[in-house]
């Protein structure tokens, strides 16, 4: 099982910023579209942002213009910069790797990192 290690969650006031990071092994990273999802109590896990292995970004409408996903290819990691955070965006944020190589497709998840946004 691939390991995705997340860092960067925490407590922030509404309107503030946080940056999340997620690192994995090189063989997983190079052949994966990477993304961030979030889940709050009583709600389904939802996509926040994705970035393909080629660097194409995709965002949920609710975070466009405020969140930025990026890849650090030498470091085998991705980042999610979150600006202008809202209280309703408090959730556990999960890193995801959608691995596709030589006809094999697998999905990997991190353990999650808590983001708390206060009024």
Protein backbone atom coordinates (compact mmCIF):
# COMPACT_ATOMS: atom_id res chain seq x y z
CA UNK A 1 0.00 0.00 0.00
CA UNK A 2 1.44 3.35 -1.02
CA UNK A 3 1.98 5.86 1.72
CA UNK A 4 0.75 9.42 1.36
CA UNK A 5 1.94 11.67 4.17
CA UNK A 6 0.09 14.91 4.75
CA UNK A 7 1.12 17.97 6.71
CA UNK A 8 -0.16 21.46 7.25
CA UNK A 9 -3.59 21.29 8.78
CA UNK A 10 -4.49 23.36 11.78
CA UNK A 11 -6.59 26.15 13.19
CA UNK A 12 -7.11 29.41 11.34
CA UNK A 13 -9.50 32.33 11.54
CA UNK A 14 -11.98 32.97 8.78
CA UNK A 15 -10.25 34.83 5.97
CA UNK A 16 -6.91 33.30 6.84
CA UNK A 17 -4.64 30.96 4.93
CA UNK A 18 -3.16 27.51 5.27
CA UNK A 19 -0.91 25.40 3.09
CA UNK A 20 -1.21 21.63 3.02
CA UNK A 21 1.43 19.28 1.68
CA UNK A 22 1.35 15.63 0.69
CA UNK A 23 4.37 13.50 -0.07
CA UNK A 24 4.60 10.03 -1.53
CA UNK A 25 7.10 7.71 -3.19
CA UNK A 26 8.56 8.69 -6.51
CA UNK A 27 7.18 5.77 -8.50
CA UNK A 28 3.68 6.54 -7.30
CA UNK A 29 4.02 10.29 -7.74
CA UNK A 30 5.29 10.27 -11.33
CA UNK A 31 2.39 8.17 -12.64
CA UNK A 32 -0.41 9.67 -10.58
CA UNK A 33 -2.92 12.42 -10.91
CA UNK A 34 -2.86 13.91 -7.42
CA UNK A 35 -5.63 15.64 -5.57
CA UNK A 36 -7.17 16.94 -2.38
CA UNK A 37 -10.57 15.99 -1.06
CA UNK A 38 -12.34 17.05 2.11
CA UNK A 39 -14.98 15.63 4.36
CA UNK A 40 -16.88 17.24 7.20
CA UNK A 41 -19.20 15.44 9.64
CA UNK A 42 -22.40 14.24 8.03
CA UNK A 43 -21.25 15.05 4.53
CA UNK A 44 -19.77 13.05 1.68
CA UNK A 45 -16.14 13.38 0.77
CA UNK A 46 -15.81 15.96 -1.99
CA UNK A 47 -13.16 16.92 -4.47
CA UNK A 48 -11.37 20.18 -3.72
CA UNK A 49 -8.65 20.25 -6.37
CA UNK A 50 -6.70 17.93 -8.64
CA UNK A 51 -3.52 18.20 -10.64
CA UNK A 52 -2.61 15.72 -13.33
CA UNK A 53 0.79 14.16 -13.79
CA UNK A 54 1.23 16.68 -16.59
CA UNK A 55 0.39 19.63 -14.38
CA UNK A 56 -3.19 20.40 -15.45
CA UNK A 57 -5.18 21.81 -12.55
CA UNK A 58 -8.86 21.38 -11.79
CA UNK A 59 -10.84 22.96 -8.94
CA UNK A 60 -14.21 22.71 -7.32
CA UNK A 61 -16.23 25.80 -8.22
CA UNK A 62 -16.45 26.80 -4.58
CA UNK A 63 -12.67 27.21 -4.22
CA UNK A 64 -11.72 28.69 -7.59
CA UNK A 65 -9.70 31.85 -7.18
CA UNK A 66 -8.90 31.12 -3.53
CA UNK A 67 -7.15 27.73 -3.53
CA UNK A 68 -4.09 26.75 -5.55
CA UNK A 69 -2.83 23.23 -6.08
CA UNK A 70 0.73 22.67 -7.22
CA UNK A 71 3.24 19.87 -7.81
CA UNK A 72 6.81 19.73 -6.61
CA UNK A 73 8.12 17.08 -8.94
CA UNK A 74 11.69 16.83 -7.55
CA UNK A 75 10.22 16.48 -4.06
CA UNK A 76 7.46 14.01 -5.01
CA UNK A 77 4.81 16.09 -3.32
CA UNK A 78 1.88 18.35 -3.88
CA UNK A 79 0.67 21.42 -2.09
CA UNK A 80 -2.68 23.04 -1.55
CA UNK A 81 -2.55 26.74 -0.73
CA UNK A 82 -5.86 27.83 0.76
CA UNK A 83 -6.63 31.53 1.04
CA UNK A 84 -9.69 33.36 2.33
CA UNK A 85 -10.84 30.30 4.22
CA UNK A 86 -14.46 30.12 5.31
CA UNK A 87 -15.87 28.46 8.45
CA UNK A 88 -17.88 26.01 6.33
CA UNK A 89 -14.61 24.75 4.84
CA UNK A 90 -13.56 23.22 8.12
CA UNK A 91 -13.08 19.53 7.41
CA UNK A 92 -10.62 16.71 7.27
CA UNK A 93 -8.61 17.16 4.09
CA UNK A 94 -7.36 14.03 2.36
CA UNK A 95 -4.61 13.63 -0.19
CA UNK A 96 -5.36 11.29 -3.08
CA UNK A 97 -3.22 9.61 -5.71
CA UNK A 98 -4.93 8.23 -8.80
CA UNK A 99 -2.20 5.93 -10.09
CA UNK A 100 -2.27 4.74 -13.67
CA UNK A 101 0.61 2.82 -15.23
CA UNK A 102 0.93 -0.05 -17.72
CA UNK A 103 -2.75 -0.88 -17.56
CA UNK A 104 -2.87 -0.81 -13.78
CA UNK A 105 -5.03 1.70 -11.98
CA UNK A 106 -5.03 2.12 -8.22
CA UNK A 107 -6.21 4.76 -5.82
CA UNK A 108 -4.35 5.74 -2.67
CA UNK A 109 -5.39 7.94 0.23
CA UNK A 110 -3.61 9.77 2.98
CA UNK A 111 -4.67 9.61 6.60
CA UNK A 112 -6.22 13.07 6.49
CA UNK A 113 -5.34 16.35 8.13
CA UNK A 114 -7.80 18.46 10.11
CA UNK A 115 -8.50 22.02 9.05
CA UNK A 116 -10.48 24.11 11.52
CA UNK A 117 -11.74 27.57 10.56
CA UNK A 118 -13.15 29.80 13.30
CA UNK A 119 -15.45 32.78 12.88
